[in-house]
Amino acid sequence: INAEYMGFIYLMSDPTKLSTEEKQLAEQFQTIYSILRTVDALEIAYAKNLVSGEDYHFECEKLISQYKSCAENVLGFPGLEEFLKGFNIPGMPIAKKRLIEGKTGFNPKSKIPGIEMVVMEITRALLGTRDMIEMNLASIEYLGPSIRDCYNAIIKYPNPPDTFDGPKKLSEWVKKTNGMKATDSFSEEELKQLKFDLTNIYDTFGMIIQSKQPFNQIQ
């Protein structure tokens, strides 16, 4: 990131120091961040089957177009990666991938389940289990099958990096639930750890997907 850009980030911590032009630039940065968050929300909705593939594709393409237009109009914009680093914005790896590559995660011509479906299954299972924790469903009756779904989904992903410990962590949680009764519940501390592990697995998996070739070339 160049020194001028870093200086602007510093100034944004105190809006009273911004000139009129700098305030306009700050608004453009806020728009870019808003687009990123919207894409992230759209990806989650698609992963949970809350939106059809066609609707997801249409909305995601609109957001990608808006991002490109906005980024082109920002003088000295360093790119999305550097922008996020500069403002210390973590996560949202799949949404970031969409905007950087300029492509949605939907292939309207694909009729045969492949890597896209595996990725969707993994994402849906991880987010669904995390949602259950947020809804205070601590009972093994609910979380046990959901954790197993996460494990069964993630082991389907072909050739993950050796450093990816998602399957191992999920396997440990499956073993833990196997030794409990349906009427048992996780403690508050265990739920916090499980949510932490699920979030880390989701974020790391997103970065793995981001580093891969387009889906139709991995199958």
Protein backbone atom coordinates (compact mmCIF):
# COMPACT_ATOMS: atom_id res chain seq x y z
CA ILE A 1 0.00 0.00 0.00
CA ASN A 2 1.45 3.38 -0.92
CA ALA A 3 2.18 6.02 1.69
CA GLU A 4 -0.55 8.36 0.43
CA TYR A 5 -3.18 5.65 0.80
CA MET A 6 -2.00 4.74 4.29
CA GLY A 7 -2.09 8.39 5.23
CA PHE A 8 -5.71 8.58 4.13
CA ILE A 9 -6.59 5.53 6.24
CA TYR A 10 -5.08 7.30 9.22
CA LEU A 11 -7.10 10.42 8.53
CA MET A 12 -10.33 8.41 8.34
CA SER A 13 -9.96 7.62 12.04
CA ASP A 14 -10.87 11.28 12.60
CA PRO A 15 -13.48 12.40 9.99
CA THR A 16 -13.17 16.04 11.11
CA LYS A 17 -9.73 16.16 9.47
CA LEU A 18 -11.04 15.11 6.05
CA SER A 19 -11.38 17.57 3.20
CA THR A 20 -14.47 17.54 0.95
CA GLU A 21 -12.67 15.38 -1.62
CA GLU A 22 -11.44 13.01 1.08
CA LYS A 23 -14.96 12.67 2.46
CA GLN A 24 -16.16 11.71 -1.01
CA LEU A 25 -13.38 9.14 -1.21
CA ALA A 26 -14.36 7.80 2.21
CA GLU A 27 -17.93 7.37 0.96
CA GLN A 28 -16.63 5.40 -2.04
CA PHE A 29 -14.62 3.15 0.28
CA GLN A 30 -17.72 2.60 2.38
CA THR A 31 -19.63 1.65 -0.76
CA ILE A 32 -16.97 -0.92 -1.69
CA TYR A 33 -17.11 -2.41 1.79
CA SER A 34 -20.91 -2.48 1.66
CA ILE A 35 -20.80 -4.35 -1.66
CA LEU A 36 -18.41 -6.89 -0.18
CA ARG A 37 -20.66 -7.47 2.82
CA THR A 38 -23.70 -7.82 0.54
CA VAL A 39 -21.92 -10.43 -1.59
CA ASP A 40 -20.96 -12.28 1.60
CA ALA A 41 -24.61 -12.29 2.74
CA LEU A 42 -25.70 -13.46 -0.71
CA GLU A 43 -23.18 -16.33 -0.64
CA ILE A 44 -24.52 -17.45 2.74
CA ALA A 45 -28.12 -17.27 1.53
CA TYR A 46 -27.22 -19.30 -1.56
CA ALA A 47 -25.36 -21.88 0.53
CA LYS A 48 -28.45 -22.29 2.71
CA ASN A 49 -30.77 -22.71 -0.31
CA LEU A 50 -32.58 -19.49 0.59
CA VAL A 51 -32.12 -18.17 -2.94
CA SER A 52 -32.20 -20.02 -6.27
CA GLY A 53 -29.07 -20.44 -8.37
CA GLU A 54 -30.45 -18.16 -11.09
CA ASP A 55 -31.39 -15.39 -8.65
CA TYR A 56 -28.06 -15.70 -6.89
CA HIS A 57 -26.23 -15.48 -10.22
CA PHE A 58 -28.22 -12.41 -11.30
CA GLU A 59 -27.75 -10.51 -8.02
CA CYS A 60 -24.08 -11.47 -7.70
CA GLU A 61 -23.34 -10.27 -11.23
CA LYS A 62 -24.97 -6.92 -10.42
CA LEU A 63 -22.81 -6.54 -7.32
CA ILE A 64 -19.66 -7.47 -9.22
CA SER A 65 -20.51 -4.82 -11.83
CA GLN A 66 -21.12 -2.23 -9.10
CA TYR A 67 -17.81 -3.08 -7.47
CA LYS A 68 -15.89 -2.74 -10.74
CA SER A 69 -17.50 0.60 -11.48
CA CYS A 70 -16.82 1.92 -7.99
CA ALA A 71 -13.22 0.65 -7.89
CA GLU A 72 -12.45 2.24 -11.26
CA ASN A 73 -13.66 5.61 -9.98
CA VAL A 74 -11.50 5.55 -6.84
CA LEU A 75 -8.27 7.39 -7.52
CA GLY A 76 -5.30 5.32 -6.42
CA PHE A 77 -7.41 2.32 -5.39
CA PRO A 78 -4.83 -0.39 -4.54
CA GLY A 79 -7.09 -3.38 -5.21
CA LEU A 80 -9.45 -5.27 -2.92
CA GLU A 81 -6.77 -7.32 -1.14
CA GLU A 82 -4.74 -4.25 -0.18
CA PHE A 83 -7.89 -2.30 0.65
CA LEU A 84 -8.96 -4.95 3.17
CA LYS A 85 -5.46 -5.20 4.64
CA GLY A 86 -5.26 -1.42 5.00
CA PHE A 87 -8.48 -1.28 7.01
CA ASN A 88 -7.71 -4.55 8.81
CA ILE A 89 -10.93 -6.19 7.57
CA PRO A 90 -10.84 -9.99 8.11
CA GLY A 91 -12.84 -12.90 6.70
CA MET A 92 -15.31 -13.06 3.81
CA PRO A 93 -12.87 -15.03 1.59
CA ILE A 94 -15.51 -16.38 -0.81
CA ALA A 95 -17.10 -12.97 -1.32
CA LYS A 96 -13.63 -11.52 -1.89
CA LYS A 97 -12.93 -14.22 -4.48
CA ARG A 98 -16.12 -13.35 -6.39
CA LEU A 99 -15.24 -9.65 -6.63
CA ILE A 100 -11.58 -10.18 -7.50
CA GLU A 101 -12.26 -12.80 -10.18
CA GLY A 102 -15.40 -11.08 -11.42
CA LYS A 103 -17.38 -14.33 -11.60
CA THR A 104 -20.25 -15.78 -9.58
CA GLY A 105 -20.21 -19.26 -8.05
CA PHE A 106 -23.09 -20.50 -10.21
CA ASN A 107 -22.73 -22.41 -13.48
CA PRO A 108 -26.13 -22.48 -15.25
CA LYS A 109 -24.84 -25.12 -17.72
CA SER A 110 -23.70 -27.52 -15.02
CA LYS A 111 -26.15 -30.39 -14.56
CA ILE A 112 -23.77 -32.93 -13.02
CA PRO A 113 -22.88 -32.56 -9.33
CA GLY A 114 -19.18 -31.82 -9.06
CA ILE A 115 -16.83 -29.75 -6.97
CA GLU A 116 -19.37 -26.89 -6.92
CA MET A 117 -21.89 -29.10 -5.13
CA VAL A 118 -19.26 -30.32 -2.68
CA VAL A 119 -18.28 -26.75 -1.82
CA MET A 120 -21.94 -25.83 -1.41
CA GLU A 121 -22.57 -28.83 0.86
CA ILE A 122 -19.57 -27.96 3.05
CA THR A 123 -20.54 -24.30 3.31
CA ARG A 124 -24.17 -25.12 4.10
CA ALA A 125 -23.21 -27.63 6.81
CA LEU A 126 -20.70 -25.34 8.54
CA LEU A 127 -22.97 -22.29 8.52
CA GLY A 128 -26.01 -24.31 9.55
CA THR A 129 -24.21 -25.78 12.56
CA ARG A 130 -22.92 -22.36 13.58
CA ASP A 131 -26.45 -20.98 13.33
CA MET A 132 -27.68 -23.72 15.69
CA ILE A 133 -25.13 -22.62 18.28
CA GLU A 134 -26.26 -19.00 17.93
CA MET A 135 -29.83 -20.18 18.53
CA ASN A 136 -28.66 -21.84 21.78
CA LEU A 137 -29.40 -25.36 20.55
CA ALA A 138 -26.78 -27.03 22.75
CA SER A 139 -28.40 -30.47 22.88
CA ILE A 140 -26.52 -33.38 21.29
CA GLU A 141 -29.88 -34.37 19.78
CA TYR A 142 -29.51 -31.38 17.44
CA LEU A 143 -25.79 -30.67 17.27
CA GLY A 144 -24.61 -34.27 16.99
CA PRO A 145 -26.08 -34.98 13.53
CA SER A 146 -25.16 -31.48 12.34
CA ILE A 147 -21.51 -31.91 13.31
CA ARG A 148 -21.43 -35.28 11.54
CA ASP A 149 -22.89 -33.61 8.44
CA CYS A 150 -20.01 -31.11 8.55
CA TYR A 151 -17.44 -33.90 8.77
CA ASN A 152 -19.04 -36.05 6.07
CA ALA A 153 -19.21 -33.05 3.75
CA ILE A 154 -15.68 -31.78 4.26
CA ILE A 155 -13.97 -35.14 3.66
CA LYS A 156 -15.50 -35.13 0.16
CA TYR A 157 -13.33 -32.16 -0.86
CA PRO A 158 -10.50 -33.51 -3.06
CA ASN A 159 -6.83 -32.93 -2.29
CA PRO A 160 -7.01 -30.31 0.47
CA PRO A 161 -3.68 -28.78 1.60
CA ASP A 162 -1.80 -30.78 4.25
CA THR A 163 -2.01 -27.75 6.54
CA PHE A 164 -5.83 -27.79 6.52
CA ASP A 165 -6.90 -29.30 9.85
CA GLY A 166 -10.67 -28.92 9.32
CA PRO A 167 -11.37 -32.66 8.87
CA LYS A 168 -9.25 -33.51 11.93
CA LYS A 169 -11.00 -30.98 14.17
CA LEU A 170 -14.44 -32.07 13.01
CA SER A 171 -13.49 -35.73 13.53
CA GLU A 172 -12.58 -34.89 17.13
CA TRP A 173 -15.98 -33.25 17.66
CA VAL A 174 -17.75 -36.26 16.12
CA LYS A 175 -15.92 -38.59 18.52
CA LYS A 176 -16.90 -36.33 21.39
CA THR A 177 -20.60 -36.42 20.46
CA ASN A 178 -20.50 -40.19 19.97
CA GLY A 179 -19.68 -40.56 23.63
CA MET A 180 -22.66 -38.49 24.74
CA LYS A 181 -26.39 -39.16 25.07
CA ALA A 182 -29.02 -37.41 22.97
CA THR A 183 -30.27 -35.68 26.10
CA ASP A 184 -26.79 -34.37 26.97
CA SER A 185 -25.77 -30.81 26.11
CA PHE A 186 -22.50 -29.03 25.48
CA SER A 187 -21.32 -26.64 28.16
CA GLU A 188 -21.09 -22.93 27.40
CA GLU A 189 -17.31 -23.24 27.13
CA GLU A 190 -17.61 -26.15 24.69
CA LEU A 191 -20.10 -24.24 22.55
CA LYS A 192 -17.73 -21.26 22.35
CA GLN A 193 -14.90 -23.56 21.27
CA LEU A 194 -17.09 -25.34 18.72
CA LYS A 195 -18.23 -22.04 17.24
CA PHE A 196 -14.63 -20.85 17.14
CA ASP A 197 -13.52 -24.03 15.35
CA LEU A 198 -16.39 -23.86 12.83
CA THR A 199 -15.62 -20.23 12.03
CA ASN A 200 -11.92 -20.97 11.54
CA ILE A 201 -12.69 -23.98 9.34
CA TYR A 202 -15.13 -21.92 7.25
CA ASP A 203 -12.65 -19.04 6.79
CA THR A 204 -9.73 -21.36 6.01
CA PHE A 205 -11.82 -23.37 3.57
CA GLY A 206 -12.83 -20.14 1.86
CA MET A 207 -9.17 -19.22 1.41
CA ILE A 208 -8.47 -22.68 -0.03
CA ILE A 209 -11.27 -22.19 -2.56
CA GLN A 210 -9.94 -18.73 -3.38
CA SER A 211 -6.49 -20.13 -4.16
CA LYS A 212 -7.82 -22.84 -6.49
CA GLN A 213 -8.45 -22.71 -10.23
CA PRO A 214 -12.04 -22.11 -11.41
CA PHE A 215 -14.36 -24.91 -10.30
CA ASN A 216 -14.90 -26.34 -13.76
CA GLN A 217 -11.12 -26.90 -14.03
CA ILE A 218 -10.75 -28.77 -10.72
CA GLN A 219 -13.28 -31.54 -11.33
